[in-house]
Amino acid sequence: MVEIISKENAHLYADVLHDMFRMRYRVAVGEWGWRIPGIAPGYDKDDYDRNETVYFACLDTTETRVVACGRLNPTTGPHLLRDVFAHHCQFQETPTGPAIYELSRYVVDRNALSKEEAIAVRARIAAAFNLFCLDAGIEQVTLLTYLASYARVVAQWPTRPLGPPIYYPEDKATYVAALCDMRPEGVASIRSTYGLRRDEPHLATRVDGAALAPVRRLRQEIAGALAA
């Protein structure tokens, strides 16, 4: 199950968000060695965790632990690629616009999963990004990814590099920025490649009555699209 969390329902997800921020720190800082300015020890919540951010949280089978996550931020406002990593966009200016969002903090807790589970979880959350974008009218996403992961991105979505790969000695890793098209074929490709069922991923969101009617409609529309 992939939970969709936005400003409309974040108050219902305090437990999930706290676990997600702790998991992000454990993996991104503890395992990957990222140096993230301004965050608290053990808790990766930075300046780009904003009111406008849409979060994706993949829960384990007990639905109590976040094992994968990601976030989308509108490129019409503050976002990492424009504000911090614009030097990665050497082929063109950093793409921005109302139909372009930035995907960041795409993290899978591989230590909490078997190899097979990690592959399936990565596929589910990638398909969830794609499904949500299709429904929300988001046509493209920008991202900064490890060069080693770039081939996986290209296999999922029509993708163009925004600049050459850049090596970071402090991370001992190479990164590349990219622009990806969100199309229905992307969902089909992910499902086919990773053997997901037609109804996967199951997107869910917590609601509390009429105040969240738009979110409820979004969930129903996604469920209908998956069943079609």
C-alpha atoms as a PDB file:
ATOM      1  CA  MET A   1       0.000   0.000   0.000  1.00  0.00           C
ATOM      2  CA  VAL A   2       1.251   3.496  -0.862  1.00  0.00           C
ATOM      3  CA  GLU A   3      -0.180   6.317   1.214  1.00  0.00           C
ATOM      4  CA  ILE A   4      -0.586   9.764  -0.349  1.00  0.00           C
ATOM      5  CA  ILE A   5      -0.069  12.586   2.158  1.00  0.00           C
ATOM      6  CA  SER A   6      -0.679  16.271   1.465  1.00  0.00           C
ATOM      7  CA  LYS A   7      -1.497  19.406   3.418  1.00  0.00           C
ATOM      8  CA  GLU A   8      -5.189  18.426   3.392  1.00  0.00           C
ATOM      9  CA  ASN A   9      -4.654  15.222   5.366  1.00  0.00           C
ATOM     10  CA  ALA A  10      -1.207  15.524   6.978  1.00  0.00           C
ATOM     11  CA  HIS A  11      -2.830  15.906  10.419  1.00  0.00           C
ATOM     12  CA  LEU A  12      -4.042  12.310  10.081  1.00  0.00           C
ATOM     13  CA  TYR A  13      -0.552  11.030   9.280  1.00  0.00           C
ATOM     14  CA  ALA A  14       1.616  12.321  12.136  1.00  0.00           C
ATOM     15  CA  ASP A  15       2.750   8.779  12.953  1.00  0.00           C
ATOM     16  CA  VAL A  16       3.638   7.924   9.356  1.00  0.00           C
ATOM     17  CA  LEU A  17       5.422  11.220   8.713  1.00  0.00           C
ATOM     18  CA  HIS A  18       7.540  10.912  11.854  1.00  0.00           C
ATOM     19  CA  ASP A  19       8.542   7.371  10.901  1.00  0.00           C
ATOM     20  CA  MET A  20       9.289   8.510   7.347  1.00  0.00           C
ATOM     21  CA  PHE A  21      11.593  11.337   8.500  1.00  0.00           C
ATOM     22  CA  ARG A  22      13.446   8.925  10.779  1.00  0.00           C
ATOM     23  CA  MET A  23      13.777   6.358   7.987  1.00  0.00           C
ATOM     24  CA  ARG A  24      15.045   8.989   5.553  1.00  0.00           C
ATOM     25  CA  TYR A  25      17.769   9.972   8.008  1.00  0.00           C
ATOM     26  CA  ARG A  26      18.708   6.384   8.737  1.00  0.00           C
ATOM     27  CA  VAL A  27      19.161   5.583   5.045  1.00  0.00           C
ATOM     28  CA  ALA A  28      20.215   8.872   3.414  1.00  0.00           C
ATOM     29  CA  VAL A  29      22.555  10.040   6.168  1.00  0.00           C
ATOM     30  CA  GLY A  30      23.480   6.806   7.936  1.00  0.00           C
ATOM     31  CA  GLU A  31      23.931   4.589   4.877  1.00  0.00           C
ATOM     32  CA  TRP A  32      24.457   6.913   1.926  1.00  0.00           C
ATOM     33  CA  GLY A  33      26.521   9.474   3.800  1.00  0.00           C
ATOM     34  CA  TRP A  34      24.539  12.533   2.724  1.00  0.00           C
ATOM     35  CA  ARG A  35      25.280  15.816   4.488  1.00  0.00           C
ATOM     36  CA  ILE A  36      21.966  17.629   4.809  1.00  0.00           C
ATOM     37  CA  PRO A  37      22.138  21.135   6.297  1.00  0.00           C
ATOM     38  CA  GLY A  38      19.750  22.238   8.996  1.00  0.00           C
ATOM     39  CA  ILE A  39      18.233  18.906  10.015  1.00  0.00           C
ATOM     40  CA  ALA A  40      17.990  17.463  13.519  1.00  0.00           C
ATOM     41  CA  PRO A  41      20.063  14.386  14.423  1.00  0.00           C
ATOM     42  CA  GLY A  42      18.147  11.247  13.519  1.00  0.00           C
ATOM     43  CA  TYR A  43      15.417  13.187  11.700  1.00  0.00           C
ATOM     44  CA  ASP A  44      15.616  14.213   8.033  1.00  0.00           C
ATOM     45  CA  LYS A  45      13.126  17.040   7.675  1.00  0.00           C
ATOM     46  CA  ASP A  46      14.634  19.869   5.647  1.00  0.00           C
ATOM     47  CA  ASP A  47      13.649  23.199   4.097  1.00  0.00           C
ATOM     48  CA  TYR A  48      11.964  21.411   1.185  1.00  0.00           C
ATOM     49  CA  ASP A  49       9.483  19.574   3.355  1.00  0.00           C
ATOM     50  CA  ARG A  50       6.929  22.278   2.820  1.00  0.00           C
ATOM     51  CA  ASN A  51       3.209  22.905   3.115  1.00  0.00           C
ATOM     52  CA  GLU A  52       2.850  22.238  -0.642  1.00  0.00           C
ATOM     53  CA  THR A  53       4.781  18.959  -0.560  1.00  0.00           C
ATOM     54  CA  VAL A  54       2.988  15.751  -1.506  1.00  0.00           C
ATOM     55  CA  TYR A  55       4.457  12.671   0.205  1.00  0.00           C
ATOM     56  CA  PHE A  56       4.356   9.046  -0.832  1.00  0.00           C
ATOM     57  CA  ALA A  57       4.863   6.479   1.936  1.00  0.00           C
ATOM     58  CA  CYS A  58       4.986   2.751   1.249  1.00  0.00           C
ATOM     59  CA  LEU A  59       4.138   0.798   4.391  1.00  0.00           C
ATOM     60  CA  ASP A  60       5.156  -2.721   5.338  1.00  0.00           C
ATOM     61  CA  THR A  61       2.685  -5.586   5.586  1.00  0.00           C
ATOM     62  CA  THR A  62       1.736  -4.546   9.138  1.00  0.00           C
ATOM     63  CA  GLU A  63       0.991  -1.019   7.870  1.00  0.00           C
ATOM     64  CA  THR A  64       3.013   0.400  10.774  1.00  0.00           C
ATOM     65  CA  ARG A  65       6.472   0.996   9.297  1.00  0.00           C
ATOM     66  CA  VAL A  66       7.555   3.124   6.332  1.00  0.00           C
ATOM     67  CA  VAL A  67       9.825   1.091   4.057  1.00  0.00           C
ATOM     68  CA  ALA A  68       9.950   3.481   1.075  1.00  0.00           C
ATOM     69  CA  CYS A  69       9.067   7.075   0.410  1.00  0.00           C
ATOM     70  CA  GLY A  70       9.331  10.029  -1.931  1.00  0.00           C
ATOM     71  CA  ARG A  71       8.086  13.569  -2.197  1.00  0.00           C
ATOM     72  CA  LEU A  72       6.852  15.872  -4.938  1.00  0.00           C
ATOM     73  CA  ASN A  73       7.275  19.632  -4.822  1.00  0.00           C
ATOM     74  CA  PRO A  74       5.913  22.141  -7.348  1.00  0.00           C
ATOM     75  CA  THR A  75       8.692  23.710  -9.411  1.00  0.00           C
ATOM     76  CA  THR A  76       6.854  27.035  -9.318  1.00  0.00           C
ATOM     77  CA  GLY A  77       8.135  27.377  -5.745  1.00  0.00           C
ATOM     78  CA  PRO A  78      11.293  26.516  -3.813  1.00  0.00           C
ATOM     79  CA  HIS A  79      12.818  23.178  -4.792  1.00  0.00           C
ATOM     80  CA  LEU A  80      16.225  21.536  -4.608  1.00  0.00           C
ATOM     81  CA  LEU A  81      17.170  21.352  -8.273  1.00  0.00           C
ATOM     82  CA  ARG A  82      16.662  25.072  -8.812  1.00  0.00           C
ATOM     83  CA  ASP A  83      17.904  26.347  -5.454  1.00  0.00           C
ATOM     84  CA  VAL A  84      20.785  23.990  -4.630  1.00  0.00           C
ATOM     85  CA  PHE A  85      21.684  21.872  -7.662  1.00  0.00           C
ATOM     86  CA  ALA A  86      21.111  24.209 -10.614  1.00  0.00           C
ATOM     87  CA  HIS A  87      24.701  23.535 -11.740  1.00  0.00           C
ATOM     88  CA  HIS A  88      23.473  20.086 -12.806  1.00  0.00           C
ATOM     89  CA  CYS A  89      21.285  21.728 -15.482  1.00  0.00           C
ATOM     90  CA  GLN A  90      23.957  22.573 -18.051  1.00  0.00           C
ATOM     91  CA  PHE A  91      21.961  21.512 -21.123  1.00  0.00           C
ATOM     92  CA  GLN A  92      19.097  23.901 -20.379  1.00  0.00           C
ATOM     93  CA  GLU A  93      17.704  26.082 -17.609  1.00  0.00           C
ATOM     94  CA  THR A  94      16.152  24.256 -14.703  1.00  0.00           C
ATOM     95  CA  PRO A  95      12.686  23.180 -15.927  1.00  0.00           C
ATOM     96  CA  THR A  96       9.858  24.892 -14.070  1.00  0.00           C
ATOM     97  CA  GLY A  97       6.142  25.307 -14.606  1.00  0.00           C
ATOM     98  CA  PRO A  98       2.747  24.421 -13.140  1.00  0.00           C
ATOM     99  CA  ALA A  99       2.753  20.966 -14.792  1.00  0.00           C
ATOM    100  CA  ILE A 100       6.319  20.137 -13.673  1.00  0.00           C
ATOM    101  CA  TYR A 101       7.076  18.846 -10.175  1.00  0.00           C
ATOM    102  CA  GLU A 102      10.329  17.810  -8.540  1.00  0.00           C
ATOM    103  CA  LEU A 103      10.703  14.269  -7.221  1.00  0.00           C
ATOM    104  CA  SER A 104      13.151  13.990  -4.341  1.00  0.00           C
ATOM    105  CA  ARG A 105      13.905  11.900  -1.267  1.00  0.00           C
ATOM    106  CA  TYR A 106      13.112   8.729  -3.200  1.00  0.00           C
ATOM    107  CA  VAL A 107      14.316   6.317  -0.508  1.00  0.00           C
ATOM    108  CA  VAL A 108      13.882   2.568  -0.040  1.00  0.00           C
ATOM    109  CA  ASP A 109      14.899   0.987   3.280  1.00  0.00           C
ATOM    110  CA  ARG A 110      16.571  -2.096   1.842  1.00  0.00           C
ATOM    111  CA  ASN A 111      17.713  -3.300   5.278  1.00  0.00           C
ATOM    112  CA  ALA A 112      14.066  -3.705   6.298  1.00  0.00           C
ATOM    113  CA  LEU A 113      13.292  -5.855   3.252  1.00  0.00           C
ATOM    114  CA  SER A 114      14.476  -8.934   1.446  1.00  0.00           C
ATOM    115  CA  LYS A 115      16.008  -8.394  -1.986  1.00  0.00           C
ATOM    116  CA  GLU A 116      12.787  -9.500  -3.677  1.00  0.00           C
ATOM    117  CA  GLU A 117      10.659  -7.294  -1.406  1.00  0.00           C
ATOM    118  CA  ALA A 118      12.876  -4.261  -2.070  1.00  0.00           C
ATOM    119  CA  ILE A 119      12.495  -4.701  -5.834  1.00  0.00           C
ATOM    120  CA  ALA A 120       8.704  -4.982  -5.529  1.00  0.00           C
ATOM    121  CA  VAL A 121       8.461  -1.985  -3.187  1.00  0.00           C
ATOM    122  CA  ARG A 122      10.598   0.148  -5.507  1.00  0.00           C
ATOM    123  CA  ALA A 123       8.292  -0.762  -8.388  1.00  0.00           C
ATOM    124  CA  ARG A 124       5.129   0.014  -6.432  1.00  0.00           C
ATOM    125  CA  ILE A 125       6.263   3.439  -5.304  1.00  0.00           C
ATOM    126  CA  ALA A 126       7.572   4.362  -8.780  1.00  0.00           C
ATOM    127  CA  ALA A 127       4.199   3.408 -10.258  1.00  0.00           C
ATOM    128  CA  ALA A 128       2.478   5.409  -7.509  1.00  0.00           C
ATOM    129  CA  PHE A 129       4.399   8.552  -8.491  1.00  0.00           C
ATOM    130  CA  ASN A 130       3.321   8.010 -12.092  1.00  0.00           C
ATOM    131  CA  LEU A 131      -0.341   7.294 -11.270  1.00  0.00           C
ATOM    132  CA  PHE A 132      -0.634  10.316  -9.026  1.00  0.00           C
ATOM    133  CA  CYS A 133       0.923  12.610 -11.623  1.00  0.00           C
ATOM    134  CA  LEU A 134      -1.461  11.383 -14.309  1.00  0.00           C
ATOM    135  CA  ASP A 135      -4.455  12.085 -12.098  1.00  0.00           C
ATOM    136  CA  ALA A 136      -3.167  15.441 -10.848  1.00  0.00           C
ATOM    137  CA  GLY A 137      -2.245  16.801 -14.278  1.00  0.00           C
ATOM    138  CA  ILE A 138       1.492  16.721 -13.607  1.00  0.00           C
ATOM    139  CA  GLU A 139       3.111  16.094 -16.979  1.00  0.00           C
ATOM    140  CA  GLN A 140       6.793  15.908 -16.024  1.00  0.00           C
ATOM    141  CA  VAL A 141       9.016  15.449 -12.993  1.00  0.00           C
ATOM    142  CA  THR A 142      12.582  16.574 -12.468  1.00  0.00           C
ATOM    143  CA  LEU A 143      14.960  14.625 -10.284  1.00  0.00           C
ATOM    144  CA  LEU A 144      18.580  14.278  -9.270  1.00  0.00           C
ATOM    145  CA  THR A 145      19.639  10.651  -9.081  1.00  0.00           C
ATOM    146  CA  TYR A 146      22.691   8.474  -8.745  1.00  0.00           C
ATOM    147  CA  LEU A 147      24.224   7.752 -12.134  1.00  0.00           C
ATOM    148  CA  ALA A 148      24.056   4.065 -11.192  1.00  0.00           C
ATOM    149  CA  SER A 149      20.257   4.398 -10.933  1.00  0.00           C
ATOM    150  CA  TYR A 150      19.780   6.413 -14.119  1.00  0.00           C
ATOM    151  CA  ALA A 151      19.251   3.338 -16.319  1.00  0.00           C
ATOM    152  CA  ARG A 152      16.364   2.260 -14.080  1.00  0.00           C
ATOM    153  CA  VAL A 153      14.756   5.684 -14.448  1.00  0.00           C
ATOM    154  CA  VAL A 154      15.107   5.536 -18.245  1.00  0.00           C
ATOM    155  CA  ALA A 155      13.543   2.069 -18.270  1.00  0.00           C
ATOM    156  CA  GLN A 156      10.501   3.402 -16.384  1.00  0.00           C
ATOM    157  CA  TRP A 157       9.854   6.760 -18.029  1.00  0.00           C
ATOM    158  CA  PRO A 158      10.795   8.747 -21.149  1.00  0.00           C
ATOM    159  CA  THR A 159      13.779  10.607 -19.702  1.00  0.00           C
ATOM    160  CA  ARG A 160      16.253  13.279 -20.784  1.00  0.00           C
ATOM    161  CA  PRO A 161      19.405  14.296 -18.917  1.00  0.00           C
ATOM    162  CA  LEU A 162      19.551  17.960 -17.950  1.00  0.00           C
ATOM    163  CA  GLY A 163      23.324  17.998 -17.755  1.00  0.00           C
ATOM    164  CA  PRO A 164      26.388  15.765 -17.653  1.00  0.00           C
ATOM    165  CA  PRO A 165      27.020  13.478 -14.676  1.00  0.00           C
ATOM    166  CA  ILE A 166      28.889  15.191 -11.832  1.00  0.00           C
ATOM    167  CA  TYR A 167      31.090  13.362  -9.338  1.00  0.00           C
ATOM    168  CA  TYR A 168      31.037  14.335  -5.641  1.00  0.00           C
ATOM    169  CA  PRO A 169      34.258  13.253  -3.901  1.00  0.00           C
ATOM    170  CA  GLU A 170      32.729  13.638  -0.432  1.00  0.00           C
ATOM    171  CA  ASP A 171      29.987  11.149  -1.357  1.00  0.00           C
ATOM    172  CA  LYS A 172      32.200   9.047  -3.623  1.00  0.00           C
ATOM    173  CA  ALA A 173      29.202   9.058  -5.967  1.00  0.00           C
ATOM    174  CA  THR A 174      28.146  10.489  -9.313  1.00  0.00           C
ATOM    175  CA  TYR A 175      24.793  12.195  -9.824  1.00  0.00           C
ATOM    176  CA  VAL A 176      22.811  13.275 -12.862  1.00  0.00           C
ATOM    177  CA  ALA A 177      19.757  15.520 -13.180  1.00  0.00           C
ATOM    178  CA  ALA A 178      16.910  14.447 -15.439  1.00  0.00           C
ATOM    179  CA  LEU A 179      13.486  15.391 -16.741  1.00  0.00           C
ATOM    180  CA  CYS A 180      10.953  12.541 -16.956  1.00  0.00           C
ATOM    181  CA  ASP A 181       7.606  12.412 -18.753  1.00  0.00           C
ATOM    182  CA  MET A 182       4.681  11.026 -16.785  1.00  0.00           C
ATOM    183  CA  ARG A 183       2.626   8.956 -19.240  1.00  0.00           C
ATOM    184  CA  PRO A 184       0.243   5.986 -18.958  1.00  0.00           C
ATOM    185  CA  GLU A 185       2.828   3.841 -20.744  1.00  0.00           C
ATOM    186  CA  GLY A 186       5.153   4.373 -17.781  1.00  0.00           C
ATOM    187  CA  VAL A 187       2.743   2.670 -15.398  1.00  0.00           C
ATOM    188  CA  ALA A 188       2.236  -0.194 -17.843  1.00  0.00           C
ATOM    189  CA  SER A 189       5.986  -0.595 -18.277  1.00  0.00           C
ATOM    190  CA  ILE A 190       6.638  -0.714 -14.530  1.00  0.00           C
ATOM    191  CA  ARG A 191       3.866  -3.256 -13.969  1.00  0.00           C
ATOM    192  CA  SER A 192       5.098  -5.444 -16.822  1.00  0.00           C
ATOM    193  CA  THR A 193       8.788  -5.243 -15.933  1.00  0.00           C
ATOM    194  CA  TYR A 194       8.312  -6.025 -12.254  1.00  0.00           C
ATOM    195  CA  GLY A 195       5.325  -8.356 -12.492  1.00  0.00           C
ATOM    196  CA  LEU A 196       2.893  -6.165 -10.591  1.00  0.00           C
ATOM    197  CA  ARG A 197      -0.792  -6.994 -10.737  1.00  0.00           C
ATOM    198  CA  ARG A 198      -3.177  -4.734 -12.630  1.00  0.00           C
ATOM    199  CA  ASP A 199      -4.464  -3.278  -9.355  1.00  0.00           C
ATOM    200  CA  GLU A 200      -0.989  -2.471  -8.025  1.00  0.00           C
ATOM    201  CA  PRO A 201       0.028  -0.221  -6.495  1.00  0.00           C
ATOM    202  CA  HIS A 202      -2.948   0.370  -4.228  1.00  0.00           C
ATOM    203  CA  LEU A 203      -3.004   4.098  -3.487  1.00  0.00           C
ATOM    204  CA  ALA A 204      -4.665   5.086  -0.236  1.00  0.00           C
ATOM    205  CA  THR A 205      -5.205   8.169   1.863  1.00  0.00           C
ATOM    206  CA  ARG A 206      -6.772   8.734   5.255  1.00  0.00           C
ATOM    207  CA  VAL A 207      -9.863  10.952   5.307  1.00  0.00           C
ATOM    208  CA  ASP A 208     -12.020  12.535   7.969  1.00  0.00           C
ATOM    209  CA  GLY A 209     -15.435  13.403   6.651  1.00  0.00           C
ATOM    210  CA  ALA A 210     -16.605  16.106   4.300  1.00  0.00           C
ATOM    211  CA  ALA A 211     -13.569  18.312   4.918  1.00  0.00           C
ATOM    212  CA  LEU A 212     -11.534  15.957   2.748  1.00  0.00           C
ATOM    213  CA  ALA A 213     -14.082  15.342   0.012  1.00  0.00           C
ATOM    214  CA  PRO A 214     -11.617  16.239  -2.797  1.00  0.00           C
ATOM    215  CA  VAL A 215      -9.125  13.697  -1.474  1.00  0.00           C
ATOM    216  CA  ARG A 216     -11.853  11.060  -1.243  1.00  0.00           C
ATOM    217  CA  ARG A 217     -12.846  11.730  -4.835  1.00  0.00           C
ATOM    218  CA  LEU A 218      -9.217  11.415  -5.921  1.00  0.00           C
ATOM    219  CA  ARG A 219      -8.955   8.043  -4.224  1.00  0.00           C
ATOM    220  CA  GLN A 220     -12.167   6.816  -5.840  1.00  0.00           C
ATOM    221  CA  GLU A 221     -11.087   8.028  -9.260  1.00  0.00           C
ATOM    222  CA  ILE A 222      -7.714   6.278  -8.964  1.00  0.00           C
ATOM    223  CA  ALA A 223      -9.396   3.084  -7.805  1.00  0.00           C
ATOM    224  CA  GLY A 224     -11.743   3.261 -10.775  1.00  0.00           C
ATOM    225  CA  ALA A 225      -8.861   3.791 -13.178  1.00  0.00           C
ATOM    226  CA  LEU A 226      -7.007   0.794 -11.775  1.00  0.00           C
ATOM    227  CA  ALA A 227     -10.075  -1.419 -12.117  1.00  0.00           C
ATOM    228  CA  ALA A 228     -10.829  -0.308 -15.685  1.00  0.00           C
END
